[in-house]
Protein backbone atom coordinates (compact mmCIF):
# COMPACT_ATOMS: atom_id res chain seq x y z
CA MET A 1 0.00 0.00 0.00
CA GLN A 2 0.89 3.68 -0.03
CA ILE A 3 1.20 3.98 3.75
CA ASP A 4 4.94 4.61 3.55
CA PHE A 5 4.45 7.51 1.12
CA LEU A 6 2.21 9.27 3.62
CA PHE A 7 5.19 9.32 5.96
CA GLY A 8 8.02 10.43 3.69
CA ASN A 9 8.54 7.36 1.47
CA ARG A 10 10.26 5.31 4.17
CA PRO A 11 9.41 2.11 6.05
CA ILE A 12 7.21 3.14 8.97
CA THR A 13 6.10 -0.26 10.24
CA GLU A 14 8.27 -2.44 12.44
CA PRO A 15 10.75 -4.39 10.29
CA THR A 16 9.82 -7.77 11.74
CA ALA A 17 6.10 -7.46 11.05
CA LYS A 18 4.75 -9.93 8.51
CA THR A 19 2.15 -8.09 6.48
CA LYS A 20 1.45 -10.55 3.68
CA SER A 21 -2.13 -10.53 2.49
CA THR A 22 -2.56 -14.16 3.59
CA LEU A 23 -2.25 -13.20 7.25
CA GLY A 24 -5.26 -10.95 7.64
CA ILE A 25 -6.14 -7.39 8.52
CA CYS A 26 -3.39 -5.32 10.12
CA GLU A 27 -3.95 -2.25 12.28
CA TYR A 28 -1.12 0.25 12.81
CA SER A 29 -1.17 2.95 15.47
CA THR A 30 0.82 6.14 16.06
CA HIS A 31 0.80 5.71 19.87
CA PHE A 32 1.08 9.41 20.73
CA SER A 33 1.48 10.31 24.40
CA THR A 34 -1.49 12.68 24.14
CA GLY A 35 -3.87 9.74 23.80
CA LYS A 36 -5.08 10.92 20.38
CA ASN A 37 -3.78 8.21 18.10
CA MET A 38 -4.31 7.79 14.38
CA LYS A 39 -4.80 4.19 13.31
CA ILE A 40 -4.38 2.75 9.83
CA ILE A 41 -6.20 -0.48 9.01
CA ASP A 42 -4.61 -2.31 6.07
CA VAL A 43 -6.95 -4.76 4.32
CA PRO A 44 -5.61 -7.51 2.00
CA GLY A 45 -6.19 -7.09 -1.73
CA PHE A 46 -9.32 -8.45 -3.42
CA CYS A 47 -8.83 -10.85 -6.34
CA GLY A 48 -12.25 -10.85 -7.95
CA LYS A 49 -13.75 -13.97 -9.52
CA SER A 50 -10.32 -15.60 -9.82
CA ASN A 51 -10.43 -16.31 -6.08
CA ILE A 52 -13.88 -15.48 -4.79
CA LYS A 53 -13.49 -17.61 -1.65
CA ASN A 54 -10.47 -15.53 -0.69
CA ASP A 55 -12.53 -12.36 -1.20
CA ALA A 56 -15.33 -13.81 0.94
CA GLN A 57 -12.74 -14.40 3.67
CA ILE A 58 -11.56 -10.80 3.43
CA CYS A 59 -15.13 -9.41 3.48
CA SER A 60 -16.04 -11.62 6.43
CA THR A 61 -12.91 -10.66 8.33
CA LEU A 62 -13.44 -6.96 7.65
CA LYS A 63 -17.06 -7.25 8.78
CA LYS A 64 -15.86 -8.99 11.95
CA PHE A 65 -13.33 -6.20 12.53
CA LEU A 66 -15.99 -3.52 12.05
CA ASP A 67 -18.33 -5.33 14.44
CA THR A 68 -15.79 -5.94 17.21
CA ASP A 69 -13.37 -2.98 17.14
CA PRO A 70 -14.12 -0.72 20.16
CA GLU A 71 -14.43 2.39 17.96
CA LEU A 72 -15.62 1.08 14.61
CA LYS A 73 -18.52 -0.90 16.06
CA LYS A 74 -20.03 2.46 17.07
CA CYS A 75 -19.08 4.59 14.05
CA ILE A 76 -17.50 4.60 10.59
CA PRO A 77 -13.85 4.99 9.57
CA HIS A 78 -12.52 8.50 9.20
CA VAL A 79 -11.13 7.82 5.71
CA VAL A 80 -11.44 4.85 3.35
CA ILE A 81 -8.71 4.54 0.71
CA ILE A 82 -9.27 2.17 -2.23
CA THR A 83 -6.14 1.55 -4.29
CA ALA A 84 -5.79 0.28 -7.84
CA ARG A 85 -3.20 0.60 -10.57
CA PHE A 86 -3.33 3.46 -13.07
CA ASP A 87 -1.61 1.16 -15.59
CA ASP A 88 -4.04 -1.76 -15.15
CA GLN A 89 -5.12 -2.62 -18.70
CA GLN A 90 -8.10 -4.57 -17.36
CA LEU A 91 -9.29 -1.78 -15.06
CA THR A 92 -12.60 -1.22 -16.85
CA ASP A 93 -13.35 -4.90 -17.46
CA PRO A 94 -16.52 -5.87 -15.53
CA LEU A 95 -14.61 -8.89 -14.16
CA SER A 96 -11.46 -6.97 -13.21
CA PRO A 97 -10.18 -7.07 -9.62
CA PHE A 98 -10.84 -3.32 -9.35
CA VAL A 99 -14.52 -3.63 -10.31
CA GLN A 100 -14.94 -6.58 -7.97
CA THR A 101 -13.22 -4.58 -5.23
CA LEU A 102 -15.75 -1.79 -5.72
CA LYS A 103 -18.55 -4.35 -5.44
CA ALA A 104 -17.05 -5.87 -2.30
CA VAL A 105 -16.73 -2.45 -0.66
CA ASP A 106 -20.28 -1.66 -1.73
CA LEU A 107 -21.41 -4.79 0.10
CA LEU A 108 -20.17 -3.16 3.34
CA ASN A 109 -20.75 0.45 2.35
CA ARG A 110 -23.17 1.17 5.21
CA ARG A 111 -20.42 0.23 7.67
CA LEU A 112 -17.64 2.02 5.81
CA LEU A 113 -18.97 5.08 3.99
CA ASP A 114 -20.45 8.34 5.24
CA ARG A 115 -23.99 8.85 3.96
CA SER A 116 -23.78 12.64 3.72
CA SER A 117 -20.12 13.66 3.51
CA CYS A 118 -17.52 11.96 1.30
CA ASN A 119 -14.99 9.94 3.30
CA VAL A 120 -13.64 7.68 0.54
CA LEU A 121 -10.91 8.20 -2.05
CA ILE A 122 -9.62 6.06 -4.89
CA LEU A 123 -5.86 6.17 -5.40
CA LEU A 124 -4.51 5.05 -8.79
CA THR A 125 -0.86 4.05 -8.38
CA HIS A 126 1.94 3.32 -10.91
CA PHE A 127 1.13 6.44 -12.91
CA MET A 128 4.33 6.46 -14.98
CA THR A 129 3.74 3.00 -16.47
CA GLY A 130 0.24 3.89 -17.66
CA LYS A 131 -0.61 4.28 -21.32
CA LYS A 132 0.72 7.44 -22.94
CA ALA A 133 -2.79 8.70 -23.75
CA TYR A 134 -3.78 8.42 -20.08
CA ARG A 135 -0.56 10.03 -18.83
CA GLU A 136 -1.02 12.95 -21.23
CA ASN A 137 -4.65 13.38 -20.22
CA PRO A 138 -5.33 11.73 -16.81
CA GLN A 139 -8.94 12.95 -16.92
CA LEU A 140 -9.63 10.12 -19.38
CA ARG A 141 -8.76 7.63 -16.65
CA TYR A 142 -10.69 9.58 -14.03
CA ASP A 143 -13.79 9.48 -16.23
CA GLU A 144 -13.50 5.71 -16.59
CA VAL A 145 -13.32 5.28 -12.81
CA ILE A 146 -16.32 7.59 -12.36
CA ASP A 147 -18.34 5.44 -14.76
CA LEU A 148 -17.35 2.28 -12.88
CA VAL A 149 -18.40 3.75 -9.53
CA GLN A 150 -21.70 4.91 -10.99
CA ASN A 151 -22.45 1.62 -12.75
CA TYR A 152 -21.35 -0.91 -10.14
CA THR A 153 -21.91 0.67 -6.73
CA SER A 154 -24.47 2.47 -4.64
CA PHE A 155 -21.85 4.64 -2.91
CA PRO A 156 -23.66 7.61 -1.31
CA GLN A 157 -20.99 10.04 -2.54
CA MET A 158 -18.65 10.04 -5.53
CA PRO A 159 -15.16 9.31 -4.16
CA TYR A 160 -12.18 11.55 -4.65
CA ILE A 161 -9.92 10.19 -7.40
CA LEU A 162 -6.15 10.70 -7.21
CA VAL A 163 -3.03 9.42 -8.93
CA GLY A 164 0.35 8.49 -7.49
CA GLU A 165 3.66 6.93 -8.45
CA ASN A 166 5.24 4.13 -6.41
CA ASP A 167 8.77 4.57 -7.72
CA PRO A 168 9.25 8.31 -8.37
CA GLU A 169 13.04 8.26 -8.07
CA ASN A 170 13.38 5.56 -10.71
CA TRP A 171 11.54 7.88 -13.11
CA ASP A 172 13.61 10.90 -12.05
CA LEU A 173 10.49 12.80 -11.12
CA PRO A 174 11.30 16.27 -9.77
CA ARG A 175 10.72 16.92 -6.09
CA PHE A 176 8.40 19.75 -5.14
CA ASN A 177 10.37 22.38 -3.19
CA ASN A 178 13.08 19.71 -2.63
CA LYS A 179 10.76 17.93 -0.20
CA HIS A 180 9.17 14.49 -0.03
CA SER A 181 6.59 15.18 -2.71
CA TYR A 182 6.95 14.56 -6.43
CA CYS A 183 5.66 16.34 -9.51
CA LEU A 184 3.77 14.09 -11.93
CA PRO A 185 3.55 15.11 -15.62
CA ASN A 186 0.20 16.59 -16.68
CA VAL A 187 -1.09 16.43 -13.09
CA ASP A 188 -1.76 19.65 -11.20
CA ASP A 189 -1.04 18.17 -7.77
CA THR A 190 2.12 16.62 -6.36
CA TYR A 191 2.26 13.17 -4.77
CA PRO A 192 1.71 12.34 -1.93
CA THR A 193 0.74 15.93 -1.04
CA ASN A 194 -2.46 15.41 -3.03
CA LEU A 195 -3.31 12.41 -0.85
CA ILE A 196 -2.62 14.32 2.37
CA GLU A 197 -4.67 17.32 1.24
CA VAL A 198 -7.72 15.14 0.52
CA ILE A 199 -7.42 13.48 3.93
CA LEU A 200 -7.40 16.97 5.45
CA LYS A 201 -10.48 17.93 3.39
CA ILE A 202 -12.30 14.84 4.58
CA SER A 203 -11.38 15.54 8.20
CA ALA A 204 -12.75 19.08 7.82
CA GLY A 205 -16.01 17.76 6.38
CA GLY A 206 -17.15 15.92 9.49
CA THR A 207 -18.67 17.83 12.39
CA LYS A 208 -18.69 14.79 14.71
CA SER A 209 -15.21 13.47 13.96
CA SER A 210 -13.05 12.49 16.93
CA LEU A 211 -10.05 13.79 14.99
CA GLY A 212 -10.22 17.13 13.19
CA PRO A 213 -8.03 18.68 10.47
CA GLU A 214 -5.69 20.27 13.02
CA PHE A 215 -4.74 16.85 14.36
CA PHE A 216 -3.99 15.51 10.88
CA LYS A 217 -2.00 18.63 10.03
CA LYS A 218 0.22 18.04 13.04
CA VAL A 219 0.63 14.37 12.14
CA PHE A 220 1.67 15.03 8.56
CA GLN A 221 3.89 17.99 9.46
CA ALA A 222 5.84 15.60 11.68
CA ARG A 223 5.55 12.63 9.32
CA GLN A 224 9.32 12.23 8.93
CA ASN A 225 9.58 11.35 12.62
CA ILE A 226 6.49 9.18 13.04
CA PHE A 227 6.72 5.42 13.48
CA LEU A 228 3.68 3.19 13.32
CA TRP A 229 3.39 0.03 15.38
CA ARG A 230 1.27 -2.93 14.38
CA SER A 231 -1.21 -2.94 17.24
CA VAL A 232 -3.64 -5.56 15.90
CA LEU A 233 -3.44 -8.50 13.50
CA LEU A 234 -6.82 -10.08 12.82
CA PRO A 235 -6.29 -13.35 10.89
CA LEU A 236 -8.61 -14.17 8.03
CA VAL A 237 -11.65 -16.07 9.22
CA ASP A 238 -12.01 -19.75 8.31
CA ARG A 239 -13.29 -19.98 4.75
CA ASN A 240 -15.45 -22.92 5.84
CA GLY A 241 -16.76 -21.12 8.91
CA SER A 242 -20.23 -19.64 9.39
CA ARG A 243 -19.17 -16.02 8.70
CA CYS A 244 -17.65 -16.91 5.36
CA ARG A 245 -20.44 -19.28 4.35
CA LYS A 246 -22.98 -16.53 5.03
CA ILE A 247 -21.29 -13.88 2.89
CA LEU A 248 -20.07 -16.10 0.02
CA PRO A 249 -23.41 -16.45 -1.84
CA ILE A 250 -24.10 -12.72 -1.43
CA LEU A 251 -20.67 -11.89 -2.84
CA LYS A 252 -21.14 -14.37 -5.71
CA ALA A 253 -24.42 -12.70 -6.64
CA LYS A 254 -22.83 -9.26 -6.50
CA TYR A 255 -19.87 -10.33 -8.64
CA LYS A 256 -22.24 -11.95 -11.14
CA ASP A 257 -24.17 -8.73 -11.75
CA GLY A 258 -22.94 -7.14 -14.95
CA ASN A 259 -24.35 -3.74 -14.09
CA ASN A 260 -26.01 -2.57 -10.90
CA GLU A 261 -27.99 0.07 -12.83
CA VAL A 262 -27.33 2.65 -10.15
CA SER A 263 -28.85 6.02 -10.87
CA HIS A 264 -26.15 8.56 -11.73
CA SER A 265 -28.05 11.19 -9.80
CA ARG A 266 -27.07 9.47 -6.56
CA HIS A 267 -23.44 10.51 -7.04
CA GLN A 268 -21.84 13.91 -7.01
CA ASN A 269 -19.74 14.84 -10.03
CA ILE A 270 -16.05 14.51 -9.26
CA SER A 271 -13.54 17.28 -9.94
CA HIS A 272 -10.29 18.53 -8.47
CA SER A 273 -12.26 21.21 -6.61
CA HIS A 274 -14.90 18.79 -5.28
CA ARG A 275 -15.70 19.62 -1.66
CA PRO A 276 -18.02 17.36 0.36
CA SER A 277 -20.85 18.54 2.54
CA ARG A 278 -19.89 19.41 6.11
CA LYS A 279 -22.70 17.33 7.60
CA SER A 280 -21.46 13.90 8.65
CA HIS A 281 -22.01 10.77 10.69
CA SER A 282 -19.82 10.10 13.72
CA LYS A 283 -16.35 9.04 12.59
CA SER A 284 -13.61 7.07 14.29
CA LYS A 285 -9.85 7.68 14.36
CA GLN A 286 -9.14 5.03 11.75
CA MET A 287 -8.13 5.12 8.12
CA VAL A 288 -9.05 1.93 6.22
CA THR A 289 -7.02 0.99 3.14
CA ILE A 290 -8.52 -1.48 0.67
CA GLN A 291 -6.66 -2.82 -2.36
CA ALA A 292 -7.41 -4.40 -5.71
CA TYR A 293 -4.98 -7.25 -6.33
CA VAL A 294 -3.52 -7.28 -9.87
């Protein structure tokens, strides 16, 4: 995931931690002495129809986490980050891992997404290996993602859509103001500053959030000195257990649907200046990251 880029493109989790997707859901915490701690929940990547039982395990485990976590069982995550690859040639295929990831998130959208103020963003990584036409005009890719969200989900708000590059130094991308943010060609924003700014926007949009924009500003201003500890590892539930058996047929039905025929009017149009409503449900201190496995 892009967790490291949020904190200056350096390893921020303990070196001995095993974070392979087969293990389960990992929670990382800042452990500040003030008691206000930001937590990042890293969810294994979804595979789509190629391994639907694995996806059912992930959905079941995430549902279990949402139901049992002391904060999340009472409210929704502060931010939900869905990652996919900008260079994924199968991105728009109805059977692609990204589309199936959207459907899987939609299955739990009432437990993850704010009904009245956008708290989800889609991050498209590996920008520099994308097709030339997309790199020269990223809006083409944005528009494709917008169509996918509108056609295959019932998300209450249109997510923010951002791009990033996992290996900026290999591409000799210029640093912005000689700092830990990189300029991408034909993109107005720098990465990961664009990601941080959207997180700050989301934190400003919620009136009942336990963490406001000032807290996140302080965190990211000190991001070079922050170390995250893995505070929780929730193993994937048994794929033959009751939780998984219950969600598997629902997930199969959702994956089978070619088009959810969601009304476009239910989504806000996305743009770089998109600002969500300030009205919000109660939010926790967590950021949840969800990945499409390619």
